[in-house]
């Protein structure tokens, strides 16, 4: 149950003996021979997709922001505030609450890379805030003042805190589900809000930044999807009815919370981003995330805004949508069908 040792010379654990959790690693990061080849595939993809926030041109966003309607500006600010806090939580909890309990070195490096990418996303949001806001503290402090955002952040943090207070193998499994939920549900009202503005020709630099960020999030989802599915094969006894019931409850709570958040930021006043669409879209995402980890869907609904998927893909951008360098477009894109 304890954290792994960072130096463990008495370990005789071989490659085939590695385990995602509760193994006995030496502490050596040895990647020439690995047990989990999917981890190396994702590692290579992450490296190929390396990008930096200052590559994105935010020049026109400062002008566009001033011309947004009151409702659009409110939505943009709330989305930024929420995304900033979410990636702040992820940057810290991956290092402090997840990686200390992962005992396969090829997965350790993945989680470390993800933590770097979450910090990079925080840097991206800082670029966005500095580009458009005359009062940066107002956006950074919104989580303190908006009760729905405060409740959402508090709930997410509380789930991770449970692992620290009770680091059983079952809790480690639930923490993996929690990461999958955060990466695959909690970000998506915010992402879609940004794409909705861009679809109307507004805040195009911000939407480009979100596309880079969302591509990273897909690789993070693939990581934890593979971790859970591999662990289910190796340690099926951990996936008890009680654990799966708790996982379903976490997915259901997240879906309700993200629907509430999406409807709160749009206030049913943003064209193409209605309460009904938000409700159906988040339920659709929840079902997809459940099926990816061999759990049954809860809602059985159809995708209501398929244009969002095309809008977010690098190989589907409109010719006049982005004006960044060609190298940005040539970096690898991926889908859930790749792994």
C-alpha atoms as a PDB file:
ATOM      1  CA  UNK A   1       0.000   0.000   0.000  1.00  0.00           C
ATOM      2  CA  UNK A   2       2.946   2.332   0.538  1.00  0.00           C
ATOM      3  CA  UNK A   3       4.583   4.462  -2.133  1.00  0.00           C
ATOM      4  CA  UNK A   4       7.267   2.767  -4.189  1.00  0.00           C
ATOM      5  CA  UNK A   5      10.889   3.188  -3.202  1.00  0.00           C
ATOM      6  CA  UNK A   6      12.911   5.395  -5.504  1.00  0.00           C
ATOM      7  CA  UNK A   7      16.027   3.289  -4.768  1.00  0.00           C
ATOM      8  CA  UNK A   8      15.498  -0.390  -4.177  1.00  0.00           C
ATOM      9  CA  UNK A   9      18.730  -2.378  -4.853  1.00  0.00           C
ATOM     10  CA  UNK A  10      17.397  -5.534  -3.187  1.00  0.00           C
ATOM     11  CA  UNK A  11      14.656  -5.903  -5.814  1.00  0.00           C
ATOM     12  CA  UNK A  12      15.019  -8.848  -8.207  1.00  0.00           C
ATOM     13  CA  UNK A  13      11.999  -7.854 -10.294  1.00  0.00           C
ATOM     14  CA  UNK A  14      12.377  -8.699 -13.983  1.00  0.00           C
ATOM     15  CA  UNK A  15      10.591  -7.142 -16.944  1.00  0.00           C
ATOM     16  CA  UNK A  16       7.887  -9.814 -17.021  1.00  0.00           C
ATOM     17  CA  UNK A  17       7.314  -9.354 -13.293  1.00  0.00           C
ATOM     18  CA  UNK A  18       6.464  -5.675 -13.619  1.00  0.00           C
ATOM     19  CA  UNK A  19       3.096  -4.517 -12.418  1.00  0.00           C
ATOM     20  CA  UNK A  20       1.235  -1.250 -12.921  1.00  0.00           C
ATOM     21  CA  UNK A  21       0.654  -0.981  -9.170  1.00  0.00           C
ATOM     22  CA  UNK A  22       2.036  -2.801  -6.120  1.00  0.00           C
ATOM     23  CA  UNK A  23       5.145  -4.055  -7.906  1.00  0.00           C
ATOM     24  CA  UNK A  24       8.675  -4.070  -6.514  1.00  0.00           C
ATOM     25  CA  UNK A  25      10.781  -1.972  -8.944  1.00  0.00           C
ATOM     26  CA  UNK A  26      14.463  -1.265  -8.445  1.00  0.00           C
ATOM     27  CA  UNK A  27      13.952   2.410  -9.200  1.00  0.00           C
ATOM     28  CA  UNK A  28      15.846   2.176 -12.483  1.00  0.00           C
ATOM     29  CA  UNK A  29      14.008   3.605 -15.493  1.00  0.00           C
ATOM     30  CA  UNK A  30      14.856   0.897 -18.006  1.00  0.00           C
ATOM     31  CA  UNK A  31      13.054   1.346 -21.314  1.00  0.00           C
ATOM     32  CA  UNK A  32      15.064  -0.895 -23.636  1.00  0.00           C
ATOM     33  CA  UNK A  33      12.925  -3.813 -22.494  1.00  0.00           C
ATOM     34  CA  UNK A  34       9.352  -3.127 -21.455  1.00  0.00           C
ATOM     35  CA  UNK A  35       6.290  -5.091 -20.467  1.00  0.00           C
ATOM     36  CA  UNK A  36       3.711  -2.543 -21.620  1.00  0.00           C
ATOM     37  CA  UNK A  37       4.501  -1.750 -25.260  1.00  0.00           C
ATOM     38  CA  UNK A  38       1.467   0.531 -25.533  1.00  0.00           C
ATOM     39  CA  UNK A  39       3.183   2.837 -23.036  1.00  0.00           C
ATOM     40  CA  UNK A  40       6.165   3.303 -25.355  1.00  0.00           C
ATOM     41  CA  UNK A  41       3.848   3.895 -28.326  1.00  0.00           C
ATOM     42  CA  UNK A  42       2.092   6.679 -26.410  1.00  0.00           C
ATOM     43  CA  UNK A  43       5.439   8.047 -25.167  1.00  0.00           C
ATOM     44  CA  UNK A  44       6.703   8.344 -28.750  1.00  0.00           C
ATOM     45  CA  UNK A  45       3.466  10.037 -29.782  1.00  0.00           C
ATOM     46  CA  UNK A  46       3.692  12.558 -26.942  1.00  0.00           C
ATOM     47  CA  UNK A  47       7.228  13.461 -27.953  1.00  0.00           C
ATOM     48  CA  UNK A  48       6.179  13.851 -31.606  1.00  0.00           C
ATOM     49  CA  UNK A  49       3.356  16.172 -30.545  1.00  0.00           C
ATOM     50  CA  UNK A  50       5.560  18.546 -28.545  1.00  0.00           C
ATOM     51  CA  UNK A  51       4.442  22.145 -28.940  1.00  0.00           C
ATOM     52  CA  UNK A  52       4.778  25.438 -27.087  1.00  0.00           C
ATOM     53  CA  UNK A  53       2.149  28.114 -26.321  1.00  0.00           C
ATOM     54  CA  UNK A  54       4.071  30.967 -27.926  1.00  0.00           C
ATOM     55  CA  UNK A  55       3.770  29.209 -31.283  1.00  0.00           C
ATOM     56  CA  UNK A  56       0.127  30.298 -31.309  1.00  0.00           C
ATOM     57  CA  UNK A  57      -0.669  33.766 -32.632  1.00  0.00           C
ATOM     58  CA  UNK A  58      -3.050  35.517 -30.227  1.00  0.00           C
ATOM     59  CA  UNK A  59      -2.900  38.927 -31.947  1.00  0.00           C
ATOM     60  CA  UNK A  60      -6.454  38.999 -33.238  1.00  0.00           C
ATOM     61  CA  UNK A  61      -7.943  37.596 -30.022  1.00  0.00           C
ATOM     62  CA  UNK A  62      -7.220  40.799 -28.106  1.00  0.00           C
ATOM     63  CA  UNK A  63      -9.310  42.684 -30.670  1.00  0.00           C
ATOM     64  CA  UNK A  64     -12.010  40.017 -30.870  1.00  0.00           C
ATOM     65  CA  UNK A  65     -12.378  39.883 -27.083  1.00  0.00           C
ATOM     66  CA  UNK A  66     -13.349  43.552 -26.926  1.00  0.00           C
ATOM     67  CA  UNK A  67     -16.150  42.965 -29.421  1.00  0.00           C
ATOM     68  CA  UNK A  68     -17.632  39.888 -27.739  1.00  0.00           C
ATOM     69  CA  UNK A  69     -21.131  40.229 -26.340  1.00  0.00           C
ATOM     70  CA  UNK A  70     -21.569  40.381 -22.580  1.00  0.00           C
ATOM     71  CA  UNK A  71     -22.655  36.718 -22.543  1.00  0.00           C
ATOM     72  CA  UNK A  72     -19.797  35.590 -24.770  1.00  0.00           C
ATOM     73  CA  UNK A  73     -17.225  37.434 -22.675  1.00  0.00           C
ATOM     74  CA  UNK A  74     -18.667  35.932 -19.471  1.00  0.00           C
ATOM     75  CA  UNK A  75     -18.465  32.445 -20.980  1.00  0.00           C
ATOM     76  CA  UNK A  76     -14.912  32.917 -22.214  1.00  0.00           C
ATOM     77  CA  UNK A  77     -13.719  34.178 -18.811  1.00  0.00           C
ATOM     78  CA  UNK A  78     -15.426  31.381 -16.884  1.00  0.00           C
ATOM     79  CA  UNK A  79     -14.025  28.738 -19.239  1.00  0.00           C
ATOM     80  CA  UNK A  80     -10.490  30.086 -18.849  1.00  0.00           C
ATOM     81  CA  UNK A  81     -10.804  30.190 -15.069  1.00  0.00           C
ATOM     82  CA  UNK A  82     -12.031  26.603 -14.933  1.00  0.00           C
ATOM     83  CA  UNK A  83      -9.392  25.245 -17.310  1.00  0.00           C
ATOM     84  CA  UNK A  84      -6.619  26.995 -15.383  1.00  0.00           C
ATOM     85  CA  UNK A  85      -7.692  25.376 -12.123  1.00  0.00           C
ATOM     86  CA  UNK A  86      -8.213  21.924 -13.643  1.00  0.00           C
ATOM     87  CA  UNK A  87      -4.733  21.753 -15.106  1.00  0.00           C
ATOM     88  CA  UNK A  88      -3.286  23.115 -11.880  1.00  0.00           C
ATOM     89  CA  UNK A  89      -4.908  20.222 -10.011  1.00  0.00           C
ATOM     90  CA  UNK A  90      -3.647  17.725 -12.587  1.00  0.00           C
ATOM     91  CA  UNK A  91      -0.069  19.025 -12.587  1.00  0.00           C
ATOM     92  CA  UNK A  92       0.195  18.491  -8.839  1.00  0.00           C
ATOM     93  CA  UNK A  93      -1.882  15.380  -8.284  1.00  0.00           C
ATOM     94  CA  UNK A  94      -0.185  13.348 -11.013  1.00  0.00           C
ATOM     95  CA  UNK A  95       3.191  13.918  -9.347  1.00  0.00           C
ATOM     96  CA  UNK A  96       2.009  13.700  -5.740  1.00  0.00           C
ATOM     97  CA  UNK A  97      -0.912  11.262  -5.788  1.00  0.00           C
ATOM     98  CA  UNK A  98      -0.569   9.014  -8.845  1.00  0.00           C
ATOM     99  CA  UNK A  99       3.026   8.433  -9.912  1.00  0.00           C
ATOM    100  CA  UNK A 100       4.300   7.473  -6.436  1.00  0.00           C
ATOM    101  CA  UNK A 101       2.028   4.397  -6.625  1.00  0.00           C
ATOM    102  CA  UNK A 102       2.794   3.385 -10.241  1.00  0.00           C
ATOM    103  CA  UNK A 103       5.469   0.671 -10.272  1.00  0.00           C
ATOM    104  CA  UNK A 104       6.162   0.106 -13.996  1.00  0.00           C
ATOM    105  CA  UNK A 105       8.917   2.475 -15.200  1.00  0.00           C
ATOM    106  CA  UNK A 106       7.546   2.771 -18.746  1.00  0.00           C
ATOM    107  CA  UNK A 107       4.317   4.087 -17.225  1.00  0.00           C
ATOM    108  CA  UNK A 108       6.164   6.292 -14.725  1.00  0.00           C
ATOM    109  CA  UNK A 109       7.717   8.241 -17.582  1.00  0.00           C
ATOM    110  CA  UNK A 110       4.298   8.630 -19.220  1.00  0.00           C
ATOM    111  CA  UNK A 111       2.788  10.110 -16.060  1.00  0.00           C
ATOM    112  CA  UNK A 112       5.795  12.412 -15.672  1.00  0.00           C
ATOM    113  CA  UNK A 113       5.350  13.574 -19.256  1.00  0.00           C
ATOM    114  CA  UNK A 114       1.649  14.136 -18.663  1.00  0.00           C
ATOM    115  CA  UNK A 115       2.430  16.270 -15.631  1.00  0.00           C
ATOM    116  CA  UNK A 116       4.746  18.372 -17.819  1.00  0.00           C
ATOM    117  CA  UNK A 117       1.995  18.752 -20.406  1.00  0.00           C
ATOM    118  CA  UNK A 118      -0.504  19.856 -17.749  1.00  0.00           C
ATOM    119  CA  UNK A 119       1.984  22.535 -16.653  1.00  0.00           C
ATOM    120  CA  UNK A 120       2.378  23.502 -20.314  1.00  0.00           C
ATOM    121  CA  UNK A 121      -1.382  23.905 -20.560  1.00  0.00           C
ATOM    122  CA  UNK A 122      -1.317  26.212 -17.549  1.00  0.00           C
ATOM    123  CA  UNK A 123       1.273  28.245 -19.418  1.00  0.00           C
ATOM    124  CA  UNK A 124      -1.032  28.280 -22.440  1.00  0.00           C
ATOM    125  CA  UNK A 125      -3.904  29.674 -20.419  1.00  0.00           C
ATOM    126  CA  UNK A 126      -1.582  32.328 -19.028  1.00  0.00           C
ATOM    127  CA  UNK A 127      -0.794  33.393 -22.604  1.00  0.00           C
ATOM    128  CA  UNK A 128      -4.524  33.567 -23.344  1.00  0.00           C
ATOM    129  CA  UNK A 129      -5.295  35.569 -20.204  1.00  0.00           C
ATOM    130  CA  UNK A 130      -2.441  38.008 -20.723  1.00  0.00           C
ATOM    131  CA  UNK A 131      -3.482  38.496 -24.351  1.00  0.00           C
ATOM    132  CA  UNK A 132      -7.084  39.476 -23.694  1.00  0.00           C
ATOM    133  CA  UNK A 133      -7.506  40.679 -20.117  1.00  0.00           C
ATOM    134  CA  UNK A 134      -6.772  44.034 -18.532  1.00  0.00           C
ATOM    135  CA  UNK A 135      -7.328  42.490 -15.105  1.00  0.00           C
ATOM    136  CA  UNK A 136      -5.728  39.037 -15.009  1.00  0.00           C
ATOM    137  CA  UNK A 137      -6.488  38.494 -11.319  1.00  0.00           C
ATOM    138  CA  UNK A 138     -10.205  38.692 -12.037  1.00  0.00           C
ATOM    139  CA  UNK A 139     -10.018  35.551 -14.179  1.00  0.00           C
ATOM    140  CA  UNK A 140      -7.596  33.730 -11.896  1.00  0.00           C
ATOM    141  CA  UNK A 141      -9.842  34.352  -8.870  1.00  0.00           C
ATOM    142  CA  UNK A 142     -13.178  33.401 -10.442  1.00  0.00           C
ATOM    143  CA  UNK A 143     -13.057  29.951  -8.834  1.00  0.00           C
ATOM    144  CA  UNK A 144     -13.299  31.670  -5.449  1.00  0.00           C
ATOM    145  CA  UNK A 145     -16.342  33.724  -6.410  1.00  0.00           C
ATOM    146  CA  UNK A 146     -18.377  31.470  -8.685  1.00  0.00           C
ATOM    147  CA  UNK A 147     -20.191  28.912  -6.473  1.00  0.00           C
ATOM    148  CA  UNK A 148     -20.704  26.330  -9.215  1.00  0.00           C
ATOM    149  CA  UNK A 149     -17.055  26.416 -10.230  1.00  0.00           C
ATOM    150  CA  UNK A 150     -15.964  26.273  -6.594  1.00  0.00           C
ATOM    151  CA  UNK A 151     -18.158  23.219  -5.942  1.00  0.00           C
ATOM    152  CA  UNK A 152     -16.888  21.474  -9.071  1.00  0.00           C
ATOM    153  CA  UNK A 153     -13.226  22.064  -8.193  1.00  0.00           C
ATOM    154  CA  UNK A 154     -13.775  20.977  -4.592  1.00  0.00           C
ATOM    155  CA  UNK A 155     -15.417  17.710  -5.623  1.00  0.00           C
ATOM    156  CA  UNK A 156     -12.634  16.841  -8.077  1.00  0.00           C
ATOM    157  CA  UNK A 157      -9.942  17.519  -5.482  1.00  0.00           C
ATOM    158  CA  UNK A 158     -11.776  15.471  -2.839  1.00  0.00           C
ATOM    159  CA  UNK A 159     -11.740  12.349  -5.026  1.00  0.00           C
ATOM    160  CA  UNK A 160      -7.958  12.541  -5.385  1.00  0.00           C
ATOM    161  CA  UNK A 161      -7.500  13.229  -1.679  1.00  0.00           C
ATOM    162  CA  UNK A 162      -9.153   9.898  -0.903  1.00  0.00           C
ATOM    163  CA  UNK A 163      -6.222   8.029  -2.428  1.00  0.00           C
ATOM    164  CA  UNK A 164      -3.752   9.807  -0.189  1.00  0.00           C
ATOM    165  CA  UNK A 165      -5.727   9.015   2.942  1.00  0.00           C
ATOM    166  CA  UNK A 166      -6.390   5.382   1.988  1.00  0.00           C
ATOM    167  CA  UNK A 167      -3.945   4.086  -0.673  1.00  0.00           C
ATOM    168  CA  UNK A 168      -5.306   0.577  -1.125  1.00  0.00           C
ATOM    169  CA  UNK A 169      -5.065  -1.116  -4.508  1.00  0.00           C
ATOM    170  CA  UNK A 170      -8.808  -0.610  -4.950  1.00  0.00           C
ATOM    171  CA  UNK A 171      -8.396   3.115  -4.304  1.00  0.00           C
ATOM    172  CA  UNK A 172      -5.598   3.248  -6.885  1.00  0.00           C
ATOM    173  CA  UNK A 173      -8.005   1.786  -9.442  1.00  0.00           C
ATOM    174  CA  UNK A 174     -10.604   4.403  -8.525  1.00  0.00           C
ATOM    175  CA  UNK A 175      -7.974   7.138  -8.826  1.00  0.00           C
ATOM    176  CA  UNK A 176      -7.311   5.943 -12.390  1.00  0.00           C
ATOM    177  CA  UNK A 177     -11.014   6.205 -13.144  1.00  0.00           C
ATOM    178  CA  UNK A 178     -10.958   9.697 -11.638  1.00  0.00           C
ATOM    179  CA  UNK A 179      -8.163  10.774 -13.993  1.00  0.00           C
ATOM    180  CA  UNK A 180     -10.021   9.336 -16.966  1.00  0.00           C
ATOM    181  CA  UNK A 181     -13.135  11.247 -15.915  1.00  0.00           C
ATOM    182  CA  UNK A 182     -11.245  14.498 -15.510  1.00  0.00           C
ATOM    183  CA  UNK A 183      -9.451  14.178 -18.844  1.00  0.00           C
ATOM    184  CA  UNK A 184     -12.480  12.891 -20.738  1.00  0.00           C
ATOM    185  CA  UNK A 185     -15.493  14.708 -19.279  1.00  0.00           C
ATOM    186  CA  UNK A 186     -14.649  17.724 -17.124  1.00  0.00           C
ATOM    187  CA  UNK A 187     -12.738  19.649 -19.817  1.00  0.00           C
ATOM    188  CA  UNK A 188     -15.220  19.284 -22.631  1.00  0.00           C
ATOM    189  CA  UNK A 189     -17.831  21.962 -21.943  1.00  0.00           C
ATOM    190  CA  UNK A 190     -14.976  24.452 -21.887  1.00  0.00           C
ATOM    191  CA  UNK A 191     -13.390  23.115 -25.064  1.00  0.00           C
ATOM    192  CA  UNK A 192     -16.735  23.168 -26.895  1.00  0.00           C
ATOM    193  CA  UNK A 193     -17.451  26.711 -25.727  1.00  0.00           C
ATOM    194  CA  UNK A 194     -14.181  27.874 -27.302  1.00  0.00           C
ATOM    195  CA  UNK A 195     -14.943  26.040 -30.553  1.00  0.00           C
ATOM    196  CA  UNK A 196     -18.431  27.561 -30.623  1.00  0.00           C
ATOM    197  CA  UNK A 197     -16.925  31.050 -30.557  1.00  0.00           C
ATOM    198  CA  UNK A 198     -14.375  30.113 -33.225  1.00  0.00           C
ATOM    199  CA  UNK A 199     -17.058  28.625 -35.446  1.00  0.00           C
ATOM    200  CA  UNK A 200     -18.596  32.102 -35.450  1.00  0.00           C
ATOM    201  CA  UNK A 201     -15.227  33.551 -36.465  1.00  0.00           C
ATOM    202  CA  UNK A 202     -14.249  34.807 -33.004  1.00  0.00           C
ATOM    203  CA  UNK A 203     -11.205  34.089 -30.777  1.00  0.00           C
ATOM    204  CA  UNK A 204      -9.488  31.904 -33.373  1.00  0.00           C
ATOM    205  CA  UNK A 205      -6.122  31.948 -31.589  1.00  0.00           C
ATOM    206  CA  UNK A 206      -7.759  30.698 -28.406  1.00  0.00           C
ATOM    207  CA  UNK A 207      -9.432  27.870 -30.313  1.00  0.00           C
ATOM    208  CA  UNK A 208      -6.112  26.871 -31.850  1.00  0.00           C
ATOM    209  CA  UNK A 209      -4.545  26.730 -28.393  1.00  0.00           C
ATOM    210  CA  UNK A 210      -7.416  24.531 -27.224  1.00  0.00           C
ATOM    211  CA  UNK A 211      -6.896  22.178 -30.156  1.00  0.00           C
ATOM    212  CA  UNK A 212      -3.282  21.618 -29.142  1.00  0.00           C
ATOM    213  CA  UNK A 213      -4.395  21.078 -25.544  1.00  0.00           C
ATOM    214  CA  UNK A 214      -7.206  18.693 -26.486  1.00  0.00           C
ATOM    215  CA  UNK A 215      -4.824  16.585 -28.579  1.00  0.00           C
ATOM    216  CA  UNK A 216      -2.688  16.167 -25.459  1.00  0.00           C
ATOM    217  CA  UNK A 217      -5.758  15.248 -23.421  1.00  0.00           C
ATOM    218  CA  UNK A 218      -6.606  12.459 -25.866  1.00  0.00           C
ATOM    219  CA  UNK A 219      -3.191  10.892 -25.272  1.00  0.00           C
ATOM    220  CA  UNK A 220      -3.773  11.208 -21.518  1.00  0.00           C
ATOM    221  CA  UNK A 221      -7.091   9.412 -21.889  1.00  0.00           C
ATOM    222  CA  UNK A 222      -5.403   6.652 -23.874  1.00  0.00           C
ATOM    223  CA  UNK A 223      -2.834   6.248 -21.096  1.00  0.00           C
ATOM    224  CA  UNK A 224      -5.358   5.647 -18.357  1.00  0.00           C
ATOM    225  CA  UNK A 225      -7.660   3.644 -20.603  1.00  0.00           C
ATOM    226  CA  UNK A 226      -4.770   1.251 -21.276  1.00  0.00           C
ATOM    227  CA  UNK A 227      -3.722   1.227 -17.628  1.00  0.00           C
ATOM    228  CA  UNK A 228      -7.200   0.233 -16.488  1.00  0.00           C
ATOM    229  CA  UNK A 229      -7.679  -2.390 -19.200  1.00  0.00           C
ATOM    230  CA  UNK A 230      -4.232  -3.905 -18.609  1.00  0.00           C
ATOM    231  CA  UNK A 231      -4.807  -3.966 -14.881  1.00  0.00           C
ATOM    232  CA  UNK A 232      -8.174  -5.651 -15.360  1.00  0.00           C
ATOM    233  CA  UNK A 233      -6.387  -8.521 -17.135  1.00  0.00           C
ATOM    234  CA  UNK A 234      -3.610  -8.808 -14.541  1.00  0.00           C
ATOM    235  CA  UNK A 235      -5.593  -8.176 -11.370  1.00  0.00           C
ATOM    236  CA  UNK A 236      -9.266  -8.985 -12.078  1.00  0.00           C
ATOM    237  CA  UNK A 237      -9.883  -9.414  -8.350  1.00  0.00           C
ATOM    238  CA  UNK A 238      -9.547  -5.633  -7.926  1.00  0.00           C
ATOM    239  CA  UNK A 239     -12.562  -4.949 -10.149  1.00  0.00           C
ATOM    240  CA  UNK A 240     -15.160  -5.954  -7.615  1.00  0.00           C
ATOM    241  CA  UNK A 241     -18.803  -4.983  -7.791  1.00  0.00           C
ATOM    242  CA  UNK A 242     -18.173  -2.414  -5.058  1.00  0.00           C
ATOM    243  CA  UNK A 243     -15.337  -0.821  -7.042  1.00  0.00           C
ATOM    244  CA  UNK A 244     -17.323  -0.780 -10.261  1.00  0.00           C
ATOM    245  CA  UNK A 245     -20.418   0.578  -8.511  1.00  0.00           C
ATOM    246  CA  UNK A 246     -18.287   3.400  -7.127  1.00  0.00           C
ATOM    247  CA  UNK A 247     -16.815   4.011 -10.585  1.00  0.00           C
ATOM    248  CA  UNK A 248     -20.284   4.257 -12.110  1.00  0.00           C
ATOM    249  CA  UNK A 249     -21.278   6.718  -9.397  1.00  0.00           C
ATOM    250  CA  UNK A 250     -18.202   8.830 -10.133  1.00  0.00           C
ATOM    251  CA  UNK A 251     -19.044   8.896 -13.852  1.00  0.00           C
ATOM    252  CA  UNK A 252     -22.655   9.773 -13.120  1.00  0.00           C
ATOM    253  CA  UNK A 253     -21.696  12.541 -10.677  1.00  0.00           C
ATOM    254  CA  UNK A 254     -19.186  13.947 -13.168  1.00  0.00           C
ATOM    255  CA  UNK A 255     -21.765  13.944 -15.952  1.00  0.00           C
ATOM    256  CA  UNK A 256     -24.305  15.824 -13.856  1.00  0.00           C
ATOM    257  CA  UNK A 257     -21.685  18.290 -12.692  1.00  0.00           C
ATOM    258  CA  UNK A 258     -20.317  18.947 -16.180  1.00  0.00           C
ATOM    259  CA  UNK A 259     -23.815  19.411 -17.623  1.00  0.00           C
ATOM    260  CA  UNK A 260     -24.557  21.905 -14.855  1.00  0.00           C
ATOM    261  CA  UNK A 261     -21.269  23.699 -15.581  1.00  0.00           C
ATOM    262  CA  UNK A 262     -21.792  23.782 -19.355  1.00  0.00           C
ATOM    263  CA  UNK A 263     -25.298  25.166 -18.950  1.00  0.00           C
ATOM    264  CA  UNK A 264     -24.021  27.683 -16.411  1.00  0.00           C
ATOM    265  CA  UNK A 265     -21.329  29.113 -18.684  1.00  0.00           C
ATOM    266  CA  UNK A 266     -23.567  29.298 -21.765  1.00  0.00           C
ATOM    267  CA  UNK A 267     -26.682  30.432 -19.873  1.00  0.00           C
ATOM    268  CA  UNK A 268     -28.676  29.203 -22.900  1.00  0.00           C
ATOM    269  CA  UNK A 269     -27.676  32.431 -24.687  1.00  0.00           C
ATOM    270  CA  UNK A 270     -24.846  31.284 -26.952  1.00  0.00           C
ATOM    271  CA  UNK A 271     -25.884  30.309 -30.473  1.00  0.00           C
ATOM    272  CA  UNK A 272     -25.350  26.590 -31.080  1.00  0.00           C
ATOM    273  CA  UNK A 273     -24.557  25.822 -27.426  1.00  0.00           C
ATOM    274  CA  UNK A 274     -27.975  25.211 -25.886  1.00  0.00           C
ATOM    275  CA  UNK A 275     -28.865  23.480 -22.636  1.00  0.00           C
ATOM    276  CA  UNK A 276     -30.251  20.488 -24.541  1.00  0.00           C
ATOM    277  CA  UNK A 277     -27.126  20.070 -26.658  1.00  0.00           C
ATOM    278  CA  UNK A 278     -24.872  20.324 -23.601  1.00  0.00           C
ATOM    279  CA  UNK A 279     -26.915  17.698 -21.748  1.00  0.00           C
ATOM    280  CA  UNK A 280     -26.798  15.220 -24.628  1.00  0.00           C
ATOM    281  CA  UNK A 281     -23.157  15.855 -25.531  1.00  0.00           C
ATOM    282  CA  UNK A 282     -21.804  15.269 -22.018  1.00  0.00           C
ATOM    283  CA  UNK A 283     -23.893  12.107 -21.662  1.00  0.00           C
ATOM    284  CA  UNK A 284     -22.531  10.913 -24.997  1.00  0.00           C
ATOM    285  CA  UNK A 285     -18.965  11.533 -23.783  1.00  0.00           C
ATOM    286  CA  UNK A 286     -19.640   9.671 -20.543  1.00  0.00           C
ATOM    287  CA  UNK A 287     -20.871   6.618 -22.445  1.00  0.00           C
ATOM    288  CA  UNK A 288     -17.795   6.657 -24.675  1.00  0.00           C
ATOM    289  CA  UNK A 289     -15.432   6.857 -21.698  1.00  0.00           C
ATOM    290  CA  UNK A 290     -17.250   3.986 -19.971  1.00  0.00           C
ATOM    291  CA  UNK A 291     -17.105   1.724 -23.018  1.00  0.00           C
ATOM    292  CA  UNK A 292     -13.385   2.435 -23.432  1.00  0.00           C
ATOM    293  CA  UNK A 293     -12.723   0.800 -20.027  1.00  0.00           C
ATOM    294  CA  UNK A 294     -15.107  -2.119 -20.501  1.00  0.00           C
ATOM    295  CA  UNK A 295     -18.009  -0.664 -18.548  1.00  0.00           C
ATOM    296  CA  UNK A 296     -21.584  -0.438 -19.799  1.00  0.00           C
ATOM    297  CA  UNK A 297     -22.921   2.927 -21.018  1.00  0.00           C
ATOM    298  CA  UNK A 298     -25.371   4.777 -18.793  1.00  0.00           C
ATOM    299  CA  UNK A 299     -27.303   6.964 -21.223  1.00  0.00           C
ATOM    300  CA  UNK A 300     -27.239   5.474 -24.762  1.00  0.00           C
ATOM    301  CA  UNK A 301     -27.506   8.824 -26.556  1.00  0.00           C
ATOM    302  CA  UNK A 302     -26.252  10.005 -29.929  1.00  0.00           C
ATOM    303  CA  UNK A 303     -23.569  12.614 -30.585  1.00  0.00           C
ATOM    304  CA  UNK A 304     -25.496  15.907 -31.004  1.00  0.00           C
ATOM    305  CA  UNK A 305     -22.685  18.145 -32.340  1.00  0.00           C
ATOM    306  CA  UNK A 306     -20.416  16.104 -34.582  1.00  0.00           C
ATOM    307  CA  UNK A 307     -18.936  19.293 -36.044  1.00  0.00           C
ATOM    308  CA  UNK A 308     -16.979  19.661 -32.774  1.00  0.00           C
ATOM    309  CA  UNK A 309     -14.973  16.514 -33.519  1.00  0.00           C
ATOM    310  CA  UNK A 310     -14.029  17.723 -36.995  1.00  0.00           C
ATOM    311  CA  UNK A 311     -13.263  21.187 -35.676  1.00  0.00           C
ATOM    312  CA  UNK A 312     -10.826  19.837 -33.107  1.00  0.00           C
ATOM    313  CA  UNK A 313      -8.809  17.649 -35.492  1.00  0.00           C
ATOM    314  CA  UNK A 314      -5.591  18.975 -36.988  1.00  0.00           C
ATOM    315  CA  UNK A 315      -6.154  17.287 -40.327  1.00  0.00           C
ATOM    316  CA  UNK A 316      -9.621  18.795 -40.653  1.00  0.00           C
ATOM    317  CA  UNK A 317      -8.981  22.513 -40.162  1.00  0.00           C
ATOM    318  CA  UNK A 318     -10.507  25.011 -42.566  1.00  0.00           C
ATOM    319  CA  UNK A 319      -7.959  26.602 -44.864  1.00  0.00           C
ATOM    320  CA  UNK A 320      -8.582  30.060 -43.416  1.00  0.00           C
ATOM    321  CA  UNK A 321      -8.984  29.028 -39.810  1.00  0.00           C
ATOM    322  CA  UNK A 322      -5.432  29.092 -38.506  1.00  0.00           C
ATOM    323  CA  UNK A 323      -2.448  31.135 -39.591  1.00  0.00           C
ATOM    324  CA  UNK A 324       0.267  29.366 -37.648  1.00  0.00           C
ATOM    325  CA  UNK A 325       3.341  27.669 -39.065  1.00  0.00           C
ATOM    326  CA  UNK A 326       3.211  24.603 -41.273  1.00  0.00           C
ATOM    327  CA  UNK A 327       5.213  22.680 -38.669  1.00  0.00           C
ATOM    328  CA  UNK A 328       2.265  22.948 -36.296  1.00  0.00           C
ATOM    329  CA  UNK A 329       0.067  21.060 -38.746  1.00  0.00           C
ATOM    330  CA  UNK A 330       2.625  18.357 -39.493  1.00  0.00           C
ATOM    331  CA  UNK A 331       2.794  17.133 -35.910  1.00  0.00           C
ATOM    332  CA  UNK A 332       1.034  13.849 -35.268  1.00  0.00           C
ATOM    333  CA  UNK A 333      -2.656  13.656 -34.585  1.00  0.00           C
ATOM    334  CA  UNK A 334      -4.431  10.649 -33.143  1.00  0.00           C
ATOM    335  CA  UNK A 335      -7.754   9.076 -32.421  1.00  0.00           C
ATOM    336  CA  UNK A 336      -8.989   6.464 -29.994  1.00  0.00           C
ATOM    337  CA  UNK A 337      -8.860   3.893 -32.806  1.00  0.00           C
ATOM    338  CA  UNK A 338      -5.057   4.084 -32.892  1.00  0.00           C
ATOM    339  CA  UNK A 339      -4.492   2.076 -29.690  1.00  0.00           C
END
